[in-house]
Structure formats: structure tokens, C-alpha cells
Protein backbone atom coordinates (compact mmCIF):
# COMPACT_ATOMS: atom_id res chain seq x y z
CA UNK A 1 0.00 0.00 0.00
CA UNK A 2 1.22 3.50 -0.78
CA UNK A 3 2.12 5.06 2.54
CA UNK A 4 0.94 8.42 1.23
CA UNK A 5 -2.67 7.28 0.91
CA UNK A 6 -3.44 9.69 3.76
CA UNK A 7 -2.11 12.54 1.57
CA UNK A 8 0.30 13.82 4.18
CA UNK A 9 3.65 15.38 3.40
CA UNK A 10 5.60 13.51 6.03
CA UNK A 11 9.35 13.59 5.53
CA UNK A 12 11.07 10.19 5.73
CA UNK A 13 12.98 9.60 8.91
CA UNK A 14 16.75 9.62 8.90
CA UNK A 15 16.78 5.90 9.61
CA UNK A 16 15.01 5.16 6.34
CA UNK A 17 18.12 6.16 4.42
CA UNK A 18 20.00 3.25 5.89
CA UNK A 19 17.86 0.81 3.92
CA UNK A 20 18.32 2.71 0.67
CA UNK A 21 19.80 0.84 -2.28
CA UNK A 22 23.36 1.56 -3.20
CA UNK A 23 23.86 4.04 -6.02
CA UNK A 24 24.41 2.79 -9.51
CA UNK A 25 27.91 3.47 -10.71
CA UNK A 26 28.51 5.61 -13.77
CA UNK A 27 29.56 2.51 -15.66
CA UNK A 28 26.28 0.77 -14.83
CA UNK A 29 24.36 3.88 -15.84
CA UNK A 30 26.03 3.73 -19.23
CA UNK A 31 25.22 0.07 -19.67
CA UNK A 32 21.87 0.70 -21.35
CA UNK A 33 18.96 -1.07 -19.72
CA UNK A 34 20.61 -0.61 -16.34
CA UNK A 35 20.59 3.15 -16.72
CA UNK A 36 18.25 4.94 -14.37
CA UNK A 37 16.72 8.37 -14.21
CA UNK A 38 17.53 9.90 -10.86
CA UNK A 39 14.07 11.38 -10.48
CA UNK A 40 10.62 10.30 -11.63
CA UNK A 41 10.66 8.05 -12.98
CA UNK A 42 -2.43 37.42 -16.39
CA UNK A 43 -5.95 41.53 -16.84
CA UNK A 44 -7.21 39.30 -19.53
CA UNK A 45 -4.29 36.97 -19.16
CA UNK A 46 -6.28 34.35 -17.28
CA UNK A 47 -8.59 34.01 -20.24
CA UNK A 48 -5.59 32.77 -22.21
CA UNK A 49 -5.16 29.71 -20.00
CA UNK A 50 -4.94 26.53 -22.05
CA UNK A 51 -7.59 24.45 -20.27
CA UNK A 52 -11.19 25.57 -19.96
CA UNK A 53 -11.71 23.31 -16.97
CA UNK A 54 -10.68 26.07 -14.56
CA UNK A 55 -8.20 26.05 -11.69
CA UNK A 56 -7.64 22.92 -9.71
CA UNK A 57 -9.66 23.12 -6.52
CA UNK A 58 -8.16 20.52 -4.28
CA UNK A 59 -7.36 17.65 -6.63
CA UNK A 60 -5.02 16.41 -3.91
CA UNK A 61 -4.73 18.02 -0.44
CA UNK A 62 -0.96 17.48 -0.51
CA UNK A 63 -0.45 19.15 -3.88
CA UNK A 64 -0.21 22.91 -4.41
CA UNK A 65 -2.20 23.33 -7.61
CA UNK A 66 -3.26 26.95 -7.01
CA UNK A 67 -1.76 27.96 -10.37
CA UNK A 68 -2.74 24.91 -12.37
CA UNK A 69 -5.82 23.49 -14.04
CA UNK A 70 -7.64 20.55 -12.50
CA UNK A 71 -6.87 18.43 -15.53
CA UNK A 72 -3.09 18.62 -15.20
CA UNK A 73 -3.25 18.38 -11.40
CA UNK A 74 -5.25 15.16 -11.61
CA UNK A 75 -2.80 13.79 -14.16
CA UNK A 76 0.30 14.27 -12.04
CA UNK A 77 -1.41 12.97 -8.89
CA UNK A 78 -2.36 9.73 -10.63
CA UNK A 79 1.05 9.44 -12.27
CA UNK A 80 2.84 9.68 -8.93
CA UNK A 81 0.41 7.33 -7.24
CA UNK A 82 1.47 4.73 -9.78
CA UNK A 83 5.13 5.55 -9.26
CA UNK A 84 4.92 5.30 -5.47
CA UNK A 85 3.02 2.01 -5.79
CA UNK A 86 5.84 0.62 -7.97
CA UNK A 87 3.36 0.08 -10.80
CA UNK A 88 5.70 0.18 -13.78
CA UNK A 89 3.06 -0.17 -16.48
CA UNK A 90 0.75 2.28 -14.74
CA UNK A 91 3.48 4.87 -14.30
CA UNK A 92 4.81 4.60 -17.85
CA UNK A 93 1.26 4.81 -19.24
CA UNK A 94 1.47 8.57 -18.63
CA UNK A 95 4.34 8.89 -21.12
CA UNK A 96 3.91 8.99 -24.89
CA UNK A 97 4.94 5.92 -26.88
CA UNK A 98 4.97 7.91 -30.13
CA UNK A 99 7.50 10.60 -29.15
CA UNK A 100 9.37 11.08 -25.93
CA UNK A 101 12.42 12.82 -24.51
CA UNK A 102 13.39 12.33 -20.86
CA UNK A 103 16.60 13.93 -19.62
CA UNK A 104 18.43 14.15 -16.33
CA UNK A 105 20.67 17.20 -16.96
CA UNK A 106 22.50 16.91 -13.65
CA UNK A 107 24.31 13.66 -14.36
CA UNK A 108 23.68 13.48 -18.13
CA UNK A 109 21.19 10.66 -18.55
CA UNK A 110 18.85 10.79 -21.52
CA UNK A 111 16.15 8.54 -22.94
CA UNK A 112 14.79 9.35 -26.38
CA UNK A 113 12.11 6.65 -26.71
CA UNK A 114 9.42 5.12 -24.50
CA UNK A 115 11.07 1.72 -24.76
CA UNK A 116 14.38 3.09 -23.47
CA UNK A 117 12.68 4.70 -20.48
CA UNK A 118 10.64 1.58 -19.77
CA UNK A 119 13.77 -0.57 -19.75
CA UNK A 120 15.65 1.86 -17.50
CA UNK A 121 12.95 2.22 -14.87
CA UNK A 122 11.93 -1.41 -15.17
CA UNK A 123 15.46 -2.45 -14.25
CA UNK A 124 15.40 -0.69 -10.89
CA UNK A 125 11.78 -0.27 -9.76
CA UNK A 126 11.54 -3.86 -8.44
CA UNK A 127 14.34 -3.00 -6.01
CA UNK A 128 12.44 -0.14 -4.38
CA UNK A 129 11.51 -1.17 -0.86
CA UNK A 130 8.03 -1.02 0.72
CA UNK A 131 8.82 2.37 2.27
CA UNK A 132 9.74 3.96 -1.06
CA UNK A 133 7.75 7.12 -1.73
CA UNK A 134 7.35 9.74 -4.42
CA UNK A 135 4.85 12.57 -4.71
CA UNK A 136 4.20 15.89 -6.49
CA UNK A 137 4.61 19.03 -4.38
CA UNK A 138 3.52 21.79 -6.76
CA UNK A 139 2.25 21.98 -10.33
CA UNK A 140 2.05 25.23 -12.33
CA UNK A 141 0.46 25.29 -15.77
CA UNK A 142 -2.02 23.26 -17.79
CA UNK A 143 -2.32 20.11 -19.85
CA UNK A 144 -0.26 21.53 -22.72
CA UNK A 145 2.79 22.25 -20.56
CA UNK A 146 3.60 22.84 -16.90
CA UNK A 147 6.34 23.11 -14.30
CA UNK A 148 6.36 20.38 -11.66
CA UNK A 149 8.11 20.22 -8.29
CA UNK A 150 8.28 16.74 -6.79
CA UNK A 151 9.93 14.51 -4.20
CA UNK A 152 11.63 11.10 -4.30
CA UNK A 153 12.44 9.36 -1.03
CA UNK A 154 15.91 7.89 -0.33
CA UNK A 155 14.64 4.36 -0.94
CA UNK A 156 14.37 5.07 -4.67
CA UNK A 157 17.83 6.30 -5.59
CA UNK A 158 19.92 6.20 -2.43
CA UNK A 159 19.39 9.82 -1.37
CA UNK A 160 16.43 12.14 -1.03
CA UNK A 161 15.86 14.12 -4.24
CA UNK A 162 13.67 17.22 -4.64
CA UNK A 163 13.32 18.08 -8.31
CA UNK A 164 11.86 20.68 -10.64
CA UNK A 165 10.72 19.37 -14.01
CA UNK A 166 9.30 21.17 -17.05
CA UNK A 167 6.67 18.96 -18.67
CA UNK A 168 5.31 19.08 -22.21
CA UNK A 169 2.20 17.10 -23.08
CA UNK A 170 0.48 15.85 -26.20
CA UNK A 171 -2.81 13.97 -26.11
CA UNK A 172 -2.69 13.74 -22.33
CA UNK A 173 0.76 12.11 -22.32
CA UNK A 174 4.16 13.46 -21.36
CA UNK A 175 6.33 13.96 -24.45
CA UNK A 176 9.20 15.77 -22.74
CA UNK A 177 10.43 15.85 -19.16
CA UNK A 178 13.70 17.25 -17.81
CA UNK A 179 14.49 16.74 -14.12
CA UNK A 180 16.56 19.46 -12.42
CA UNK A 181 17.84 18.96 -8.88
CA UNK A 182 20.60 20.12 -6.55
CA UNK A 183 23.58 17.80 -6.41
CA UNK A 184 24.57 19.12 -2.99
CA UNK A 185 21.27 17.92 -1.56
CA UNK A 186 22.06 14.52 -3.05
CA UNK A 187 25.63 14.90 -1.68
CA UNK A 188 28.48 16.24 -3.78
CA UNK A 189 30.42 12.99 -3.94
CA UNK A 190 27.45 10.88 -4.98
CA UNK A 191 26.60 13.37 -7.72
CA UNK A 192 30.21 13.42 -8.89
CA UNK A 193 30.30 9.63 -9.03
CA UNK A 194 27.17 9.60 -11.18
CA UNK A 195 27.93 12.49 -13.54
CA UNK A 196 29.03 11.73 -17.07
CA UNK A 197 32.17 13.35 -18.50
CA UNK A 198 31.47 16.72 -20.18
CA UNK A 199 32.12 15.30 -23.65
CA UNK A 200 29.33 12.74 -23.15
CA UNK A 201 26.74 15.20 -21.85
CA UNK A 202 23.73 15.88 -24.09
CA UNK A 203 23.89 19.38 -25.56
CA UNK A 204 20.21 19.54 -26.41
CA UNK A 205 17.35 18.32 -24.25
CA UNK A 206 14.73 17.65 -26.92
CA UNK A 207 13.30 21.17 -26.85
CA UNK A 208 13.68 21.66 -30.60
CA UNK A 209 11.71 18.57 -31.53
CA UNK A 210 9.11 19.28 -28.86
CA UNK A 211 8.57 22.93 -29.76
CA UNK A 212 6.94 25.56 -27.56
CA UNK A 213 3.65 24.59 -25.93
CA UNK A 214 3.56 27.43 -23.40
CA UNK A 215 0.96 30.18 -23.25
CA UNK A 216 2.01 33.49 -24.89
CA UNK A 217 1.51 35.12 -21.49
CA UNK A 218 4.08 33.07 -19.62
CA UNK A 219 6.41 33.14 -22.65
CA UNK A 220 6.42 36.95 -22.57
CA UNK A 221 7.13 37.07 -18.84
CA UNK A 222 9.83 34.38 -18.98
CA UNK A 223 11.53 36.04 -21.95
CA UNK A 224 11.47 39.48 -20.33
CA UNK A 225 12.86 38.08 -17.07
CA UNK A 226 15.59 36.09 -18.79
CA UNK A 227 16.60 39.10 -20.88
CA UNK A 228 16.81 41.28 -17.77
CA UNK A 229 18.91 38.65 -15.99
CA UNK A 230 21.25 38.26 -18.96
CA UNK A 231 21.69 42.03 -19.23
CA UNK A 232 22.38 42.31 -15.50
CA UNK A 233 19.41 44.70 -15.25
CA UNK A 234 18.20 44.23 -11.68
CA UNK A 235 15.62 47.01 -11.88
CA UNK A 236 13.97 45.59 -15.01
CA UNK A 237 13.85 42.12 -13.49
CA UNK A 238 12.37 43.33 -10.20
CA UNK A 239 9.74 45.37 -12.02
CA UNK A 240 8.23 42.13 -13.33
CA UNK A 241 7.28 41.09 -9.78
CA UNK A 242 4.07 41.85 -7.91
CA UNK A 243 4.54 44.24 -4.99
CA UNK A 244 4.46 41.36 -2.47
CA UNK A 245 6.14 38.85 -4.77
CA UNK A 246 8.70 36.34 -3.52
CA UNK A 247 12.03 35.13 -4.87
CA UNK A 248 13.28 31.75 -3.66
CA UNK A 249 16.45 29.98 -4.69
CA UNK A 250 16.21 26.37 -3.49
CA UNK A 251 19.90 25.73 -4.08
CA UNK A 252 20.88 28.74 -1.96
CA UNK A 253 18.12 27.87 0.52
CA UNK A 254 17.13 31.54 0.63
CA UNK A 255 13.89 33.44 0.11
CA UNK A 256 13.19 37.15 -0.29
CA UNK A 257 9.75 38.76 -0.07
CA UNK A 258 8.70 42.05 -1.60
CA UNK A 259 9.69 43.80 -4.82
CA UNK A 260 12.09 46.16 -3.07
CA UNK A 261 13.96 43.37 -1.29
CA UNK A 262 14.19 41.43 -4.54
CA UNK A 263 15.51 44.47 -6.42
CA UNK A 264 18.16 45.14 -3.76
CA UNK A 265 19.28 41.51 -3.78
CA UNK A 266 19.57 41.45 -7.56
CA UNK A 267 21.61 44.66 -7.53
CA UNK A 268 24.09 43.01 -5.20
CA UNK A 269 24.09 39.46 -6.51
CA UNK A 270 22.66 39.09 -10.02
CA UNK A 271 26.12 38.98 -11.61
CA UNK A 272 26.96 35.99 -9.38
CA UNK A 273 23.90 33.88 -10.17
CA UNK A 274 24.30 31.16 -12.81
CA UNK A 275 20.99 32.21 -14.38
CA UNK A 276 22.22 35.81 -14.63
CA UNK A 277 24.70 37.28 -17.15
CA UNK A 278 25.93 34.69 -19.61
CA UNK A 279 22.80 32.57 -19.45
CA UNK A 280 20.29 31.97 -22.22
CA UNK A 281 16.69 30.81 -22.27
CA UNK A 282 16.30 27.19 -23.37
CA UNK A 283 12.59 26.36 -23.13
CA UNK A 284 9.35 27.76 -21.63
CA UNK A 285 6.39 25.86 -20.20
CA UNK A 286 3.11 26.83 -18.60
CA UNK A 287 -0.12 28.76 -18.88
CA UNK A 288 -1.32 32.29 -18.13
CA UNK A 289 -1.28 31.30 -14.46
CA UNK A 290 2.43 30.58 -14.62
CA UNK A 291 4.92 27.85 -15.40
CA UNK A 292 8.59 28.62 -15.89
CA UNK A 293 11.63 28.24 -18.05
CA UNK A 294 14.87 26.36 -18.43
CA UNK A 295 18.16 28.17 -18.91
CA UNK A 296 21.67 27.22 -19.95
CA UNK A 297 24.93 28.94 -19.11
CA UNK A 298 28.18 27.32 -20.25
CA UNK A 299 30.34 30.22 -19.06
CA UNK A 300 28.98 32.67 -16.51
CA UNK A 301 31.04 35.92 -16.45
CA UNK A 302 30.61 35.94 -12.68
CA UNK A 303 32.81 32.89 -12.44
CA UNK A 304 30.22 30.25 -11.60
CA UNK A 305 30.23 27.38 -14.06
CA UNK A 306 26.77 25.86 -13.87
CA UNK A 307 25.52 24.46 -17.13
CA UNK A 308 21.76 24.55 -16.69
CA UNK A 309 18.81 24.94 -14.38
CA UNK A 310 15.14 25.87 -14.12
CA UNK A 311 13.02 28.74 -12.84
CA UNK A 312 9.37 28.28 -11.82
CA UNK A 313 7.04 31.29 -12.08
CA UNK A 314 3.62 31.89 -10.53
CA UNK A 315 1.65 34.77 -12.04
CA UNK A 316 -1.28 36.91 -10.96
CA UNK A 317 -4.10 38.04 -13.24
CA UNK A 318 -1.99 40.99 -14.37
CA UNK A 319 0.86 38.67 -15.39
CA UNK A 320 3.05 39.89 -12.52
CA UNK A 321 5.29 37.35 -10.83
CA UNK A 322 3.92 36.47 -7.40
CA UNK A 323 6.50 33.75 -6.77
CA UNK A 324 9.78 32.73 -8.40
CA UNK A 325 11.53 29.50 -7.48
CA UNK A 326 14.96 28.67 -8.89
CA UNK A 327 16.80 25.34 -8.80
CA UNK A 328 20.24 24.39 -10.14
CA UNK A 329 23.14 22.09 -9.33
CA UNK A 330 25.04 23.54 -6.38
CA UNK A 331 27.51 20.65 -6.51
CA UNK A 332 29.25 22.45 -9.39
CA UNK A 333 29.92 25.50 -7.23
CA UNK A 334 32.51 25.85 -4.48
CA UNK A 335 31.68 26.88 -0.92
CA UNK A 336 33.30 30.27 -1.42
CA UNK A 337 31.15 31.03 -4.45
CA UNK A 338 28.00 29.91 -2.67
CA UNK A 339 28.99 32.06 0.26
CA UNK A 340 29.30 35.10 -1.98
CA UNK A 341 25.80 34.50 -3.33
CA UNK A 342 24.38 34.08 0.14
CA UNK A 343 26.14 37.24 1.33
CA UNK A 344 24.27 39.11 -1.40
CA UNK A 345 20.99 38.15 0.27
CA UNK A 346 21.91 40.12 3.39
CA UNK A 347 20.26 43.52 3.56
CA UNK A 348 22.25 46.56 4.67
């Protein structure tokens, strides 16, 4: 029985990690069928939302679907129920057999067909213990595309993983998913052991073949924000936020509230952030209620070499950002660099 049948958000105890399976080595991950995904496996703007079914109104008490349609909220709840129950066929039934791209951009894994993904997950799911758990935390968007935040317990992959994944759908099935997570949360050494050499990393995550399925509203906001970040224009970026908007960086474990506080932080620290100068927008997902975008940055002028990450955006009816959540791989950044970013969050 799925231990989350009560819909609580209980965090696994520390002792549960002791029964976690050992991590697959990089060599095993490259072996084909033994490879495993490390996770998962606006005025009139509102009128532009993709689904006509309206906002989700409690599809799952544990899931924040305040900026999503009921249709997509129900989909991800059922998908993760199957995953947590170790129902391989049920879980993979939510992915398209006709066209599919699934990428883990933190260690470099990629699956370009349904059969490849089925073989990868099928090789490891039987080893998940009875206490294994996985559940969605937040969904932003609609049934064309959305941004998903979700949790995998240590019993699945050896360490707790909290991910952010842009999703693209076609005919009610996932056709593209990319799982972003923080390697430091997974532990730096474990992430290093898993990560492929740079020359073997995928350079493209299937966004070209998938195309853009996001609402024009969220595309405009994401593009404007990315352009402001790239230009180092803190004022322009902050102006996109609602007066009481929030800015949270999960990798930095920091959160700022209010447009003024966000503007001041960006003035001090935008040049240091991997999604700041030097970055470029990769792909946008979501509806008029929000979603987010992926970015890439092979060479940040601020000195932080982080290749990619994701930003989730929640929007109000005027297409102002009410909440931003960023996630990227902190394992690629030294303690001194992280310290400099965190220092920038301190108000003077």
C-alpha cells in the first residue's frame, strides 16, 4: 500500500536512508537497460489559460495546484500514485509511446524513446523497498505544458531528491520531461560519481523537436525576465514582480519577499547567479497562471560554471510574478562562491 494514501507530506525519517539501495555506478548507468533516471521516474491573461476546466480546486490536499488546471493536477497525482506504488506499467502509461524525450541534466542521462525509459525504470523499480515514496509538491500550468516540483524518497535512488521538471504534453501524455535537482542535496560525492564526462553530456534536451507549448503570457514574462537577468538589469527584473512577490532559490536555501527586497538583492548578486549574465533561455512551459523556463549557461562571467537549471514562475491576473523558485546544481559550485551569493541576500 502507498504510505501516502493519507495525503500527508511527512518527511522520511533519517533511519530510512540506511535501507536505501546503493547508487548505480557511472559505468552501470552507461550500460543501457541498467541506466536509471535519478528522479521520476495574467488583466485578460487568465482568459488565455490553455484548459477551460478552470483552476484545480483541491485535486489532492498534498499538492499545491493553485496555479494549475484541474486536468493537469489530476494527471500528475495519478502518475505519482502509480510511481509510489511501484506500478511500472501504470506509471509509464502517462508517457507517450509515439515521441518522448526524458533527460536528467545533472548527471547526463537521456532517454529518447518510450522503450528506453521503460527498460531503464523497469530495471530498478523492483528494487524499491516497501517504504519507497514519491509525490508531487507543486504543479504550475495546464495540460499543454507545466512546471512540476516533486519529491523522491531515499529508498528510490539512495538519497532524497527534490526536483523541478518542465513537462510538455500531447494527447494527455508526457512527451518531454527534464528533471533538475541540486547535487549538494544529493551529496556532492554521490553526484560526482554519477555524472558523465562533459564530452558525453547531451547538448540539447529535446526542446527543438518538442517545440513551444507554453501560453504566450508566460512566454512573454519568462523572456522578459531572462533578458533582464542576462543584461544584469536588476531594476527591469524586479519590475516584473508583484509588490508582495517572492524570490526563492532552493539551491541557496534563501527566500526574499517584496519587490524592493528582490531588487536590492539582484543589484548586489545578479552577476553571481548562474541564471544571470551569460545565461540563455532554453525552453518555456506553462499557462497564463504561470509555469517557468529552463536556462543554460556554459560560461557565466561571474565565475560560476553551472551548465543549466530551471526557474518556476507563478503569475497573478496581471501577469506579474507572485513567486519565483529557482533550482540548479550547487555541486558544481565551491563553498566560497556559494557564500558570496548568500552574502548578497543580506540587507544593509
